[in-house]
Amino acid sequence: MRLVSRCLLVLVSAGAALSVVSPAAAQTAPPAAAGSTEAQQVRTELERLRKELEALRQQYDQRISSLEQRIEGLAGPHVTTVAPAPAAQAATPTTPVQNPPVTPPQDPAMPAPPPVAQTTAAGSKVFNPDIAVIANFVGIAGKNAMSTEPSLALREAEVSFQAAVDPYARADFFLAAGPEGVEIEEGFITFTSLPQRLQLKVGKLRAAFGKVNTLHAHAMPTADRPLVTENLVGGEEGISDSGLSVSRLIMNPWIFLEATGEVYSGNSEVFQSTERSHLSYVGRVRGYRDLTEGTNLDVGTSYAFGPTDLGPIMRDEFAPEFEDLSKRLIGVDATFRYRPLRSAIYKRFLARTELVWSRQDMPESPQAKAFGFYAMGEYQFARRWYVGGRFDQSQRVLDSSMRDTGGSLFFTFWPSEFSQIRTQYRRTNYAEGVRGNEVLFQFRFGIGAHAAHAF
């Protein structure tokens, strides 16, 4: 706006100079008989100056209009500049209006829209967080005497609410509705601006143990969870509890490291406490490195410790000191990703494995030791098509002589980013000698803005 004011000042000064020059020339002109030729020259010179001034004024008007359009585009809808004055009023100073309402152009035949309150994008998030609903429908056909899963079921409908609380924290809430009712799958606040690159989460969380335990049902690469998760890590619920999680990032030119420490109340599918002081603890260290521009490797190790429900069960039968029986889980996971940059939407390969060791205290007997793992691979061979396989093997948590094995093949089709169709063949050999051969159909669909899960 300073440039506009300076340009108007130049035009006013030039007009004033012309008004002074014209009468002065008329007063100092010689008599008509002696200076008619000189008077004609003065008139010609004045006419030339007038035309040059008019051309200069038009150029300045064009430049001022162009500058105003650029300023209006950069400033956004909350800053409005004053339109250039008409030619007849170019020399008249005007007072700019402070932030007048902006009215977009409209068809004269259409009725005027009602007034709308001007709000910023940040302000709109205060009462309108990102909301999404994701449904997970699974159908099962085939025989499996060890399974009680229904043939058709909407296993879960997840509702998420996510938004920034302030510049220093964000909140994430995930409500899961299923056949058994509605529960808070996760609900926590994350403080992202703590010193020393620390990050704090407070609320109900899925513990940072391995990879599968942190994934929601709709984010799984298969329609089910591996046998090792079902036998040793709590199945679908997993280690999900109320507590605190503190993590720290360590970055250097060679590798990205993340260290996480968590403490929970000790009430989950894996750990159960009868006393307020009986808490469960989870620790994890994860390393990530880019191998090439299209490949990377992610390796992590996890440890979980806490009380179990074997204590209260055994208390009456044995001695009271057995009520504090505890359980330890040790996990190692590795993920290899390949995604070439030039064909990232057409080709992708992911290989992942996870190994879990369980150590369960037992009354008047050695620890019950169990081990399980899975290995899977998934390949994208077209823009919307994926194919993959998984091998499972796991011992039972209280009896290592009981071993289950299984395998799966799955095909996935993504009609869009909001829907998914998957077919999976699953074969399971249980320790009791029972075999299960099943075909699973999964339909996943969602609406709304759902933020991406952890990488």
Protein backbone atom coordinates (compact mmCIF):
# COMPACT_ATOMS: atom_id res chain seq x y z
CA MET A 1 0.00 0.00 0.00
CA ARG A 2 3.00 2.35 0.45
CA LEU A 3 3.75 1.92 -3.24
CA VAL A 4 0.17 2.87 -4.12
CA SER A 5 0.37 6.02 -1.97
CA ARG A 6 3.69 7.07 -3.55
CA CYS A 7 2.31 6.63 -7.05
CA LEU A 8 -0.75 8.76 -6.23
CA LEU A 9 1.57 11.43 -4.77
CA VAL A 10 3.60 11.55 -8.00
CA LEU A 11 0.42 12.02 -10.04
CA VAL A 12 -0.82 14.83 -7.77
CA SER A 13 2.57 16.61 -7.96
CA ALA A 14 2.66 16.36 -11.75
CA GLY A 15 -0.87 17.82 -12.05
CA ALA A 16 0.04 20.69 -9.74
CA ALA A 17 3.17 21.46 -11.77
CA LEU A 18 1.15 21.66 -14.97
CA SER A 19 -1.38 24.00 -13.37
CA VAL A 20 1.45 26.36 -12.37
CA VAL A 21 3.29 26.21 -15.67
CA SER A 22 0.20 27.04 -17.75
CA PRO A 23 -0.71 30.46 -16.18
CA ALA A 24 2.95 31.41 -15.86
CA ALA A 25 3.48 30.86 -19.54
CA ALA A 26 0.42 32.96 -20.31
CA GLN A 27 1.63 35.85 -18.08
CA THR A 28 5.20 35.97 -19.45
CA ALA A 29 4.24 35.65 -23.13
CA PRO A 30 5.27 38.61 -25.30
CA PRO A 31 2.74 40.70 -27.27
CA ALA A 32 0.74 38.88 -29.92
CA ALA A 33 2.34 40.77 -32.77
CA ALA A 34 5.85 39.81 -31.67
CA GLY A 35 5.45 36.28 -30.27
CA SER A 36 2.59 34.39 -31.95
CA THR A 37 5.06 31.74 -33.13
CA GLU A 38 6.50 31.32 -29.63
CA ALA A 39 3.00 31.00 -28.13
CA GLN A 40 2.19 28.26 -30.63
CA GLN A 41 5.36 26.41 -29.63
CA VAL A 42 4.40 26.64 -25.95
CA ARG A 43 0.94 25.24 -26.70
CA THR A 44 2.47 22.39 -28.69
CA GLU A 45 4.91 21.62 -25.87
CA LEU A 46 2.11 21.64 -23.28
CA GLU A 47 0.02 19.31 -25.44
CA ARG A 48 2.97 16.93 -25.73
CA LEU A 49 3.52 17.00 -21.97
CA ARG A 50 -0.17 16.40 -21.35
CA LYS A 51 -0.14 13.31 -23.59
CA GLU A 52 3.01 11.95 -21.95
CA LEU A 53 1.52 12.50 -18.50
CA GLU A 54 -1.69 10.73 -19.55
CA ALA A 55 0.31 7.77 -20.90
CA LEU A 56 2.39 7.69 -17.70
CA ARG A 57 -0.76 7.75 -15.56
CA GLN A 58 -2.26 4.86 -17.50
CA GLN A 59 0.93 2.83 -17.04
CA TYR A 60 0.89 3.49 -13.30
CA ASP A 61 -2.79 2.52 -13.10
CA GLN A 62 -2.02 -0.79 -14.78
CA ARG A 63 0.93 -1.47 -12.49
CA ILE A 64 -1.04 -0.56 -9.39
CA SER A 65 -3.90 -2.87 -10.43
CA SER A 66 -1.45 -5.72 -11.07
CA LEU A 67 0.24 -5.19 -7.68
CA GLU A 68 -3.09 -5.15 -5.89
CA GLN A 69 -4.09 -8.44 -7.49
CA ARG A 70 -0.80 -10.02 -6.44
CA ILE A 71 -1.11 -8.71 -2.88
CA GLU A 72 -4.70 -9.94 -2.68
CA GLY A 73 -3.64 -13.42 -3.82
CA LEU A 74 -0.77 -13.60 -1.31
CA ALA A 75 -2.68 -12.22 1.66
CA GLY A 76 -5.67 -14.57 1.35
CA PRO A 77 -9.34 -13.85 2.07
CA HIS A 78 -8.64 -11.86 5.26
CA VAL A 79 -6.76 -8.96 3.56
CA THR A 80 -8.46 -6.75 0.99
CA THR A 81 -6.79 -3.91 -0.92
CA VAL A 82 -8.43 -0.73 -2.16
CA ALA A 83 -9.41 -0.68 -5.84
CA PRO A 84 -7.62 1.93 -8.01
CA ALA A 85 -9.35 5.29 -8.20
CA PRO A 86 -11.09 6.32 -11.44
CA ALA A 87 -9.25 8.59 -13.86
CA ALA A 88 -11.24 11.66 -12.86
CA GLN A 89 -10.38 11.10 -9.18
CA ALA A 90 -6.76 10.03 -9.53
CA ALA A 91 -5.53 13.19 -7.86
CA THR A 92 -7.92 12.90 -4.91
CA PRO A 93 -6.41 11.14 -1.88
CA THR A 94 -8.54 8.36 -0.44
CA THR A 95 -8.61 6.66 2.95
CA PRO A 96 -8.21 2.86 2.81
CA VAL A 97 -10.90 0.79 4.50
CA GLN A 98 -9.61 -1.54 7.22
CA ASN A 99 -10.49 -5.19 6.43
CA PRO A 100 -13.80 -4.68 4.59
CA PRO A 101 -15.90 -7.80 3.99
CA VAL A 102 -14.95 -9.73 0.88
CA THR A 103 -17.84 -10.51 -1.46
CA PRO A 104 -17.09 -13.07 -4.17
CA PRO A 105 -18.51 -12.43 -7.64
CA GLN A 106 -21.84 -14.08 -8.32
CA ASP A 107 -24.49 -14.42 -10.96
CA PRO A 108 -26.89 -11.42 -10.77
CA ALA A 109 -29.79 -13.82 -11.35
CA MET A 110 -28.91 -15.84 -8.26
CA PRO A 111 -30.04 -14.69 -4.81
CA ALA A 112 -27.38 -13.31 -2.53
CA PRO A 113 -25.94 -15.92 -0.14
CA PRO A 114 -26.43 -15.46 3.59
CA PRO A 115 -23.52 -13.91 5.51
CA VAL A 116 -20.92 -16.45 6.67
CA ALA A 117 -18.68 -15.93 9.67
CA GLN A 118 -15.00 -15.86 8.72
CA THR A 119 -13.00 -18.54 10.56
CA THR A 120 -9.47 -19.82 10.11
CA ALA A 121 -8.56 -23.46 9.43
CA ALA A 122 -7.00 -23.78 12.89
CA GLY A 123 -10.12 -22.47 14.57
CA SER A 124 -12.35 -24.93 12.71
CA LYS A 125 -10.47 -27.87 14.29
CA VAL A 126 -11.44 -26.75 17.79
CA PHE A 127 -15.00 -28.06 17.46
CA ASN A 128 -14.58 -30.20 14.32
CA PRO A 129 -11.83 -32.82 14.66
CA ASP A 130 -11.08 -35.29 11.89
CA ILE A 131 -13.81 -37.95 12.17
CA ALA A 132 -13.82 -41.31 10.44
CA VAL A 133 -15.76 -44.59 10.61
CA ILE A 134 -14.14 -47.81 9.39
CA ALA A 135 -16.05 -51.10 9.22
CA ASN A 136 -14.43 -54.53 9.14
CA PHE A 137 -16.73 -57.31 7.86
CA VAL A 138 -15.39 -60.89 7.77
CA GLY A 139 -16.99 -64.05 6.43
CA ILE A 140 -15.64 -67.60 6.96
CA ALA A 141 -16.38 -70.78 5.03
CA GLY A 142 -14.93 -74.22 5.65
CA LYS A 143 -14.28 -76.53 8.59
CA ASN A 144 -12.44 -75.82 11.82
CA ALA A 145 -13.53 -77.71 14.95
CA MET A 146 -11.24 -75.56 17.15
CA SER A 147 -12.73 -72.25 16.08
CA THR A 148 -15.93 -70.61 17.29
CA GLU A 149 -15.83 -67.66 14.90
CA PRO A 150 -19.19 -66.92 13.22
CA SER A 151 -19.62 -67.47 9.51
CA LEU A 152 -20.63 -63.84 8.86
CA ALA A 153 -19.94 -60.94 11.20
CA LEU A 154 -19.31 -57.23 11.28
CA ARG A 155 -16.42 -57.77 13.64
CA GLU A 156 -15.74 -54.14 14.31
CA ALA A 157 -16.79 -50.62 13.43
CA GLU A 158 -14.12 -48.18 14.50
CA VAL A 159 -14.90 -44.50 15.04
CA SER A 160 -11.92 -42.16 15.28
CA PHE A 161 -11.64 -38.56 16.48
CA GLN A 162 -8.28 -36.90 15.85
CA ALA A 163 -7.16 -33.28 16.12
CA ALA A 164 -4.50 -30.99 17.50
CA VAL A 165 -5.27 -29.83 21.04
CA ASP A 166 -2.86 -26.90 20.83
CA PRO A 167 0.55 -26.25 19.22
CA TYR A 168 2.12 -28.60 21.75
CA ALA A 169 -0.17 -31.64 21.79
CA ARG A 170 -2.64 -33.69 19.78
CA ALA A 171 -5.39 -36.10 20.78
CA ASP A 172 -6.48 -39.41 19.23
CA PHE A 173 -9.57 -41.38 20.23
CA PHE A 174 -10.63 -44.72 18.70
CA LEU A 175 -13.95 -46.26 19.73
CA ALA A 176 -14.59 -49.84 18.63
CA ALA A 177 -18.13 -51.23 18.37
CA GLY A 178 -18.57 -54.96 17.91
CA PRO A 179 -20.85 -57.86 18.81
CA GLU A 180 -19.70 -57.65 22.43
CA GLY A 181 -20.44 -53.93 22.80
CA VAL A 182 -18.60 -50.62 22.57
CA GLU A 183 -15.17 -50.04 24.05
CA ILE A 184 -12.34 -47.54 23.91
CA GLU A 185 -9.76 -49.24 21.74
CA GLU A 186 -7.37 -46.34 22.20
CA GLY A 187 -7.70 -42.86 23.59
CA PHE A 188 -4.67 -40.76 24.39
CA ILE A 189 -3.05 -37.35 24.22
CA THR A 190 0.43 -36.94 22.77
CA PHE A 191 2.77 -34.17 23.92
CA THR A 192 5.10 -33.56 20.97
CA SER A 193 7.17 -30.56 22.11
CA LEU A 194 8.98 -31.87 25.17
CA PRO A 195 12.71 -31.17 25.59
CA GLN A 196 15.42 -33.61 24.59
CA ARG A 197 13.24 -34.95 21.74
CA LEU A 198 10.96 -36.70 24.19
CA GLN A 199 7.38 -37.61 23.37
CA LEU A 200 4.78 -38.46 26.00
CA LYS A 201 1.48 -40.32 25.52
CA VAL A 202 -1.12 -40.52 28.27
CA GLY A 203 -4.32 -42.58 28.12
CA LYS A 204 -5.29 -46.03 26.89
CA LEU A 205 -2.81 -47.43 24.39
CA ARG A 206 -1.91 -50.51 22.44
CA ALA A 207 1.51 -51.30 23.90
CA ALA A 208 4.59 -50.89 21.74
CA PHE A 209 5.38 -54.61 21.75
CA GLY A 210 6.43 -55.77 18.31
CA LYS A 211 4.46 -54.86 15.20
CA VAL A 212 1.17 -56.79 15.19
CA ASN A 213 0.18 -55.73 18.71
CA THR A 214 0.21 -52.06 17.70
CA LEU A 215 -2.03 -52.55 14.64
CA HIS A 216 -5.79 -52.10 14.64
CA ALA A 217 -7.85 -54.83 12.99
CA HIS A 218 -8.50 -52.84 9.80
CA ALA A 219 -4.78 -52.09 9.41
CA MET A 220 -3.72 -55.75 9.41
CA PRO A 221 -2.33 -57.11 6.10
CA THR A 222 -4.48 -60.25 6.59
CA ALA A 223 -8.03 -60.94 7.73
CA ASP A 224 -6.79 -62.57 10.96
CA ARG A 225 -3.85 -62.38 13.36
CA PRO A 226 -0.96 -64.87 13.49
CA LEU A 227 -1.01 -67.90 15.79
CA VAL A 228 1.79 -66.49 17.93
CA THR A 229 -0.37 -63.47 18.68
CA GLU A 230 -3.36 -65.63 19.55
CA ASN A 231 -1.35 -68.01 21.79
CA LEU A 232 1.18 -65.72 23.48
CA VAL A 233 0.29 -62.01 23.05
CA GLY A 234 -3.40 -61.80 23.88
CA GLY A 235 -5.07 -62.24 20.51
CA GLU A 236 -7.17 -59.42 19.06
CA GLU A 237 -7.11 -57.33 22.26
CA GLY A 238 -3.40 -57.89 22.86
CA ILE A 239 -1.55 -55.73 25.37
CA SER A 240 -3.93 -52.77 25.45
CA ASP A 241 -4.15 -50.90 28.73
CA SER A 242 -4.25 -47.52 30.46
CA GLY A 243 -0.87 -46.01 31.17
CA LEU A 244 2.00 -43.75 30.15
CA SER A 245 4.39 -44.03 27.23
CA VAL A 246 7.62 -42.04 26.88
CA SER A 247 9.73 -42.29 23.74
CA ARG A 248 12.85 -40.56 22.54
CA LEU A 249 14.18 -40.17 19.02
CA ILE A 250 17.86 -40.57 18.27
CA MET A 251 18.77 -39.52 14.75
CA ASN A 252 22.15 -39.57 13.03
CA PRO A 253 23.33 -39.83 9.39
CA TRP A 254 23.45 -43.64 9.51
CA ILE A 255 20.36 -44.82 11.37
CA PHE A 256 17.12 -43.67 13.00
CA LEU A 257 16.61 -44.98 16.54
CA GLU A 258 13.55 -44.81 18.77
CA ALA A 259 13.56 -45.92 22.40
CA THR A 260 10.21 -46.35 24.20
CA GLY A 261 9.37 -47.04 27.84
CA GLU A 262 5.79 -47.70 29.02
CA VAL A 263 4.03 -48.42 32.28
CA TYR A 264 0.46 -49.75 32.51
CA SER A 265 -2.09 -50.53 35.18
CA GLY A 266 -1.71 -54.27 34.53
CA ASN A 267 -5.19 -55.05 33.20
CA SER A 268 -5.08 -56.53 29.72
CA GLU A 269 -5.45 -59.89 28.00
CA VAL A 270 -1.82 -60.70 28.86
CA PHE A 271 -1.28 -59.10 32.28
CA GLN A 272 -3.80 -58.98 35.13
CA SER A 273 -3.15 -57.45 38.55
CA THR A 274 -5.07 -57.72 41.81
CA GLU A 275 -3.19 -54.93 43.58
CA ARG A 276 -2.82 -51.26 42.68
CA SER A 277 0.94 -51.53 42.91
CA HIS A 278 1.13 -54.51 40.53
CA LEU A 279 1.89 -52.70 37.28
CA SER A 280 3.06 -54.01 33.93
CA TYR A 281 5.98 -52.59 31.95
CA VAL A 282 6.90 -52.55 28.28
CA GLY A 283 10.14 -51.43 26.65
CA ARG A 284 11.09 -51.27 23.00
CA VAL A 285 14.07 -50.18 20.89
CA ARG A 286 13.57 -49.76 17.18
CA GLY A 287 16.13 -49.05 14.46
CA TYR A 288 15.35 -47.86 10.94
CA ARG A 289 17.66 -47.33 7.98
CA ASP A 290 17.29 -46.62 4.27
CA LEU A 291 19.33 -49.11 2.28
CA THR A 292 18.70 -47.51 -1.12
CA GLU A 293 16.30 -44.89 -2.44
CA GLY A 294 13.61 -47.57 -2.73
CA THR A 295 14.41 -50.03 0.08
CA ASN A 296 14.62 -49.80 3.86
CA LEU A 297 15.02 -52.07 6.86
CA ASP A 298 13.21 -51.77 10.21
CA VAL A 299 14.41 -53.89 13.16
CA GLY A 300 13.12 -53.82 16.73
CA THR A 301 13.32 -55.66 20.02
CA SER A 302 10.66 -55.56 22.76
CA TYR A 303 10.32 -56.63 26.37
CA ALA A 304 7.17 -56.87 28.52
CA PHE A 305 6.83 -57.78 32.18
CA GLY A 306 3.87 -57.91 34.55
CA PRO A 307 1.59 -59.95 36.82
CA THR A 308 -0.81 -62.62 35.55
CA ASP A 309 -4.11 -64.05 36.71
CA LEU A 310 -2.53 -67.37 37.67
CA GLY A 311 -1.83 -65.98 41.15
CA PRO A 312 -5.46 -65.52 42.25
CA ILE A 313 -6.38 -68.87 40.69
CA MET A 314 -3.66 -70.72 42.58
CA ARG A 315 -3.89 -68.77 45.85
CA ASP A 316 -6.48 -70.93 47.56
CA GLU A 317 -4.98 -74.18 46.37
CA PHE A 318 -1.40 -73.36 47.25
CA ALA A 319 0.30 -70.76 49.43
CA PRO A 320 -0.40 -67.01 49.35
CA GLU A 321 3.08 -66.25 48.03
CA PHE A 322 2.02 -67.62 44.66
CA GLU A 323 -0.40 -64.76 44.06
CA ASP A 324 2.36 -62.63 42.49
CA LEU A 325 3.16 -64.96 39.61
CA SER A 326 4.46 -62.91 36.72
CA LYS A 327 5.02 -63.25 33.01
CA ARG A 328 7.77 -62.05 30.70
CA LEU A 329 7.61 -61.60 26.96
CA ILE A 330 10.59 -61.00 24.70
CA GLY A 331 10.08 -60.09 21.07
CA VAL A 332 12.22 -59.49 18.01
CA ASP A 333 10.80 -58.18 14.74
CA ALA A 334 12.21 -57.22 11.37
CA THR A 335 10.56 -55.59 8.35
CA PHE A 336 12.02 -55.17 4.87
CA ARG A 337 10.29 -52.83 2.42
CA TYR A 338 10.90 -52.36 -1.28
CA ARG A 339 9.09 -49.61 -3.15
CA PRO A 340 10.80 -48.20 -6.27
CA LEU A 341 10.19 -44.48 -6.61
CA ARG A 342 9.53 -44.56 -10.36
CA SER A 343 6.76 -47.14 -10.07
CA ALA A 344 5.66 -46.75 -6.44
CA ILE A 345 1.94 -46.98 -7.23
CA TYR A 346 2.36 -50.22 -9.21
CA LYS A 347 5.00 -52.24 -7.38
CA ARG A 348 5.75 -52.89 -3.75
CA PHE A 349 7.16 -55.72 -1.68
CA LEU A 350 7.07 -56.16 2.11
CA ALA A 351 8.62 -59.00 4.12
CA ARG A 352 8.14 -59.22 7.88
CA THR A 353 8.85 -61.66 10.69
CA GLU A 354 8.24 -61.55 14.40
CA LEU A 355 9.56 -63.92 17.09
CA VAL A 356 8.18 -64.08 20.64
CA TRP A 357 9.47 -65.91 23.72
CA SER A 358 7.18 -66.31 26.74
CA ARG A 359 8.25 -67.06 30.33
CA GLN A 360 5.35 -67.72 32.72
CA ASP A 361 5.96 -68.28 36.44
CA MET A 362 4.24 -71.41 37.77
CA PRO A 363 3.51 -72.52 41.37
CA GLU A 364 5.90 -75.18 42.68
CA SER A 365 7.26 -75.92 39.21
CA PRO A 366 9.72 -74.47 36.71
CA GLN A 367 8.68 -71.64 34.42
CA ALA A 368 6.43 -72.48 31.52
CA LYS A 369 8.40 -71.57 28.43
CA ALA A 370 6.89 -71.07 24.99
CA PHE A 371 8.07 -69.78 21.63
CA GLY A 372 6.27 -68.72 18.48
CA PHE A 373 6.85 -66.80 15.29
CA TYR A 374 5.40 -65.88 11.94
CA ALA A 375 6.93 -64.93 8.60
CA MET A 376 4.98 -63.21 5.84
CA GLY A 377 5.48 -61.55 2.50
CA GLU A 378 3.21 -59.28 0.45
CA TYR A 379 3.75 -58.20 -3.15
CA GLN A 380 1.89 -55.58 -5.16
CA PHE A 381 1.85 -56.68 -8.81
CA ALA A 382 -0.62 -54.10 -10.19
CA ARG A 383 -1.95 -50.73 -9.17
CA ARG A 384 -4.72 -52.12 -6.92
CA TRP A 385 -3.79 -55.79 -6.54
CA TYR A 386 -1.74 -57.49 -3.83
CA VAL A 387 -0.83 -61.12 -3.20
CA GLY A 388 0.88 -62.60 -0.18
CA GLY A 389 1.47 -65.53 2.13
CA ARG A 390 2.17 -66.20 5.79
CA PHE A 391 3.58 -69.12 7.79
CA ASP A 392 2.74 -69.51 11.50
CA GLN A 393 4.11 -71.61 14.31
CA SER A 394 3.53 -71.25 18.04
CA GLN A 395 3.64 -73.27 21.25
CA ARG A 396 0.95 -72.96 23.92
CA VAL A 397 1.67 -70.50 26.70
CA LEU A 398 1.40 -73.03 29.57
CA ASP A 399 2.47 -76.19 27.74
CA SER A 400 5.39 -76.06 25.34
CA SER A 401 4.68 -79.62 24.19
CA MET A 402 1.56 -78.32 22.43
CA ARG A 403 2.51 -76.75 19.11
CA ASP A 404 0.20 -75.22 16.46
CA THR A 405 1.27 -74.56 12.88
CA GLY A 406 -0.49 -72.97 9.96
CA GLY A 407 -0.23 -71.16 6.67
CA SER A 408 -2.24 -68.63 4.66
CA LEU A 409 -2.46 -67.30 1.13
CA PHE A 410 -4.30 -64.03 0.50
CA PHE A 411 -5.29 -61.75 -2.37
CA THR A 412 -6.23 -58.13 -1.78
CA PHE A 413 -7.98 -55.67 -4.09
CA TRP A 414 -8.33 -51.96 -3.33
CA PRO A 415 -11.15 -50.36 -5.35
CA SER A 416 -10.13 -47.05 -3.75
CA GLU A 417 -8.36 -45.80 -0.67
CA PHE A 418 -11.68 -46.03 1.22
CA SER A 419 -12.47 -49.69 0.57
CA GLN A 420 -10.74 -53.04 0.46
CA ILE A 421 -11.71 -56.56 -0.59
CA ARG A 422 -9.64 -59.55 0.49
CA THR A 423 -9.82 -63.33 0.06
CA GLN A 424 -7.68 -65.57 2.26
CA TYR A 425 -7.18 -69.32 2.41
CA ARG A 426 -6.11 -70.51 5.87
CA ARG A 427 -4.92 -73.99 6.86
CA THR A 428 -4.18 -74.70 10.53
CA ASN A 429 -2.77 -77.85 12.16
CA TYR A 430 -3.56 -77.83 15.88
CA ALA A 431 -1.61 -79.72 18.54
CA GLU A 432 -4.67 -81.88 19.28
CA GLY A 433 -4.46 -83.36 15.78
CA VAL A 434 -7.31 -81.28 14.39
CA ARG A 435 -6.97 -79.60 11.01
CA GLY A 436 -8.76 -76.53 9.86
CA ASN A 437 -9.29 -75.57 6.22
CA GLU A 438 -11.05 -72.24 5.79
CA VAL A 439 -11.65 -69.50 3.27
CA LEU A 440 -12.00 -65.99 4.68
CA PHE A 441 -13.65 -63.05 2.94
CA GLN A 442 -12.94 -59.58 4.24
CA PHE A 443 -14.68 -56.35 3.25
CA ARG A 444 -13.32 -53.18 4.73
CA PHE A 445 -14.80 -49.76 4.02
CA GLY A 446 -14.58 -46.36 5.63
CA ILE A 447 -15.79 -42.79 5.50
CA GLY A 448 -14.19 -39.62 6.74
CA ALA A 449 -10.62 -38.46 7.29
CA HIS A 450 -8.62 -41.17 9.04
CA ALA A 451 -5.01 -40.33 9.82
CA ALA A 452 -2.28 -42.76 8.84
CA HIS A 453 -1.12 -45.24 11.46
CA ALA A 454 2.46 -45.47 12.68
CA PHE A 455 4.95 -46.48 9.98
